[in-house]
Amino acid sequence: MNKYKKLVLCILLDAVGYLSFIIPGIGEFSDVIWAPISAYLMTKLYKGKTGKIAAAIAFIEEAMPGLDVIPTFTLMWLYSYVFASKETVIEV
């Protein structure tokens, strides 16, 4: 997948995580559903050990109240394509 298409997808997935703020009272319930889905999607977008670590972080971020504002998918994209060199990104 083109890295800029992946960036757009990551921004959209972060926006889905923000949807729990729109409907009061439903946010906590939707986070219970979205947390494992976001972790699974993170492992599909980013392979290897790096993707597994990012998936664990995404799961915790979505499951914990008040942390939904962190754009985990977009931060992972920045890590993978802007900040990390090829030697730093761990692939297994």
Protein backbone atom coordinates (compact mmCIF):
# COMPACT_ATOMS: atom_id res chain seq x y z
CA MET A 1 0.00 0.00 0.00
CA ASN A 2 1.24 3.49 -0.84
CA LYS A 3 2.42 5.24 2.33
CA TYR A 4 0.17 8.26 1.72
CA LYS A 5 -2.89 6.06 1.23
CA LYS A 6 -1.94 4.39 4.50
CA LEU A 7 -1.74 7.84 6.13
CA VAL A 8 -5.28 8.66 4.97
CA LEU A 9 -6.49 5.29 6.28
CA CYS A 10 -4.75 5.91 9.62
CA ILE A 11 -6.39 9.32 9.96
CA LEU A 12 -9.79 7.76 9.19
CA LEU A 13 -9.23 5.00 11.76
CA ASP A 14 -8.27 7.59 14.38
CA ALA A 15 -11.47 9.47 13.49
CA VAL A 16 -13.47 6.28 14.14
CA GLY A 17 -11.87 6.17 17.59
CA TYR A 18 -13.05 9.75 18.20
CA LEU A 19 -16.67 8.88 17.36
CA SER A 20 -17.25 7.76 20.93
CA PHE A 21 -17.16 11.43 21.98
CA ILE A 22 -20.09 12.33 19.71
CA ILE A 23 -22.79 10.28 21.44
CA PRO A 24 -22.69 10.71 25.24
CA GLY A 25 -23.15 7.50 27.23
CA ILE A 26 -22.38 5.24 24.29
CA GLY A 27 -18.67 6.04 24.25
CA GLU A 28 -17.65 3.53 26.88
CA PHE A 29 -19.63 0.75 25.20
CA SER A 30 -18.24 1.53 21.77
CA ASP A 31 -14.70 1.57 23.17
CA VAL A 32 -15.16 -2.00 24.40
CA ILE A 33 -15.95 -3.01 20.83
CA TRP A 34 -13.43 -0.71 19.10
CA ALA A 35 -10.37 -1.57 21.27
CA PRO A 36 -9.82 -5.13 19.97
CA ILE A 37 -10.75 -4.10 16.42
CA SER A 38 -8.20 -1.28 16.45
CA ALA A 39 -5.52 -3.62 17.78
CA TYR A 40 -6.27 -6.14 15.04
CA LEU A 41 -6.18 -3.47 12.34
CA MET A 42 -2.87 -2.17 13.67
CA THR A 43 -1.31 -5.63 13.25
CA LYS A 44 -2.58 -5.75 9.68
CA LEU A 45 -1.26 -2.29 8.80
CA TYR A 46 2.15 -2.72 10.46
CA LYS A 47 3.83 -6.11 10.33
CA GLY A 48 6.26 -7.75 12.70
CA LYS A 49 7.16 -6.94 16.26
CA THR A 50 6.61 -3.21 15.70
CA GLY A 51 3.01 -3.86 14.65
CA LYS A 52 2.38 -6.10 17.65
CA ILE A 53 3.70 -3.47 20.04
CA ALA A 54 1.61 -0.79 18.31
CA ALA A 55 -1.45 -3.06 18.54
CA ALA A 56 -0.99 -3.44 22.29
CA ILE A 57 -0.67 0.32 22.67
CA ALA A 58 -3.76 0.88 20.48
CA PHE A 59 -5.77 -1.60 22.55
CA ILE A 60 -4.79 0.02 25.84
CA GLU A 61 -5.37 3.53 24.48
CA GLU A 62 -8.87 2.67 23.29
CA ALA A 63 -9.79 0.63 26.37
CA MET A 64 -8.71 3.26 28.91
CA PRO A 65 -11.19 6.09 29.53
CA GLY A 66 -10.02 9.52 28.48
CA LEU A 67 -7.20 8.39 26.20
CA ASP A 68 -9.28 8.34 23.01
CA VAL A 69 -7.83 11.68 21.96
CA ILE A 70 -4.45 10.09 21.18
CA PRO A 71 -4.20 9.49 17.40
CA THR A 72 -2.46 6.11 17.72
CA PHE A 73 -2.71 5.08 14.06
CA THR A 74 -1.36 8.41 12.82
CA LEU A 75 1.44 8.39 15.39
CA MET A 76 2.43 4.91 14.25
CA TRP A 77 2.50 6.12 10.63
CA LEU A 78 4.75 9.02 11.67
CA TYR A 79 7.01 6.63 13.53
CA SER A 80 7.22 4.23 10.58
CA TYR A 81 7.64 6.70 7.74
CA VAL A 82 9.09 9.89 9.23
CA PHE A 83 11.05 9.27 12.42
CA ALA A 84 12.34 5.68 12.26
CA SER A 85 15.07 4.57 9.94
CA LYS A 86 14.74 1.19 8.23
CA GLU A 87 17.11 -0.30 10.81
CA THR A 88 14.90 0.87 13.70
CA VAL A 89 11.60 -0.56 12.49
CA ILE A 90 11.62 -4.16 13.69
CA GLU A 91 10.26 -6.70 11.23
CA VAL A 92 9.79 -10.33 12.27
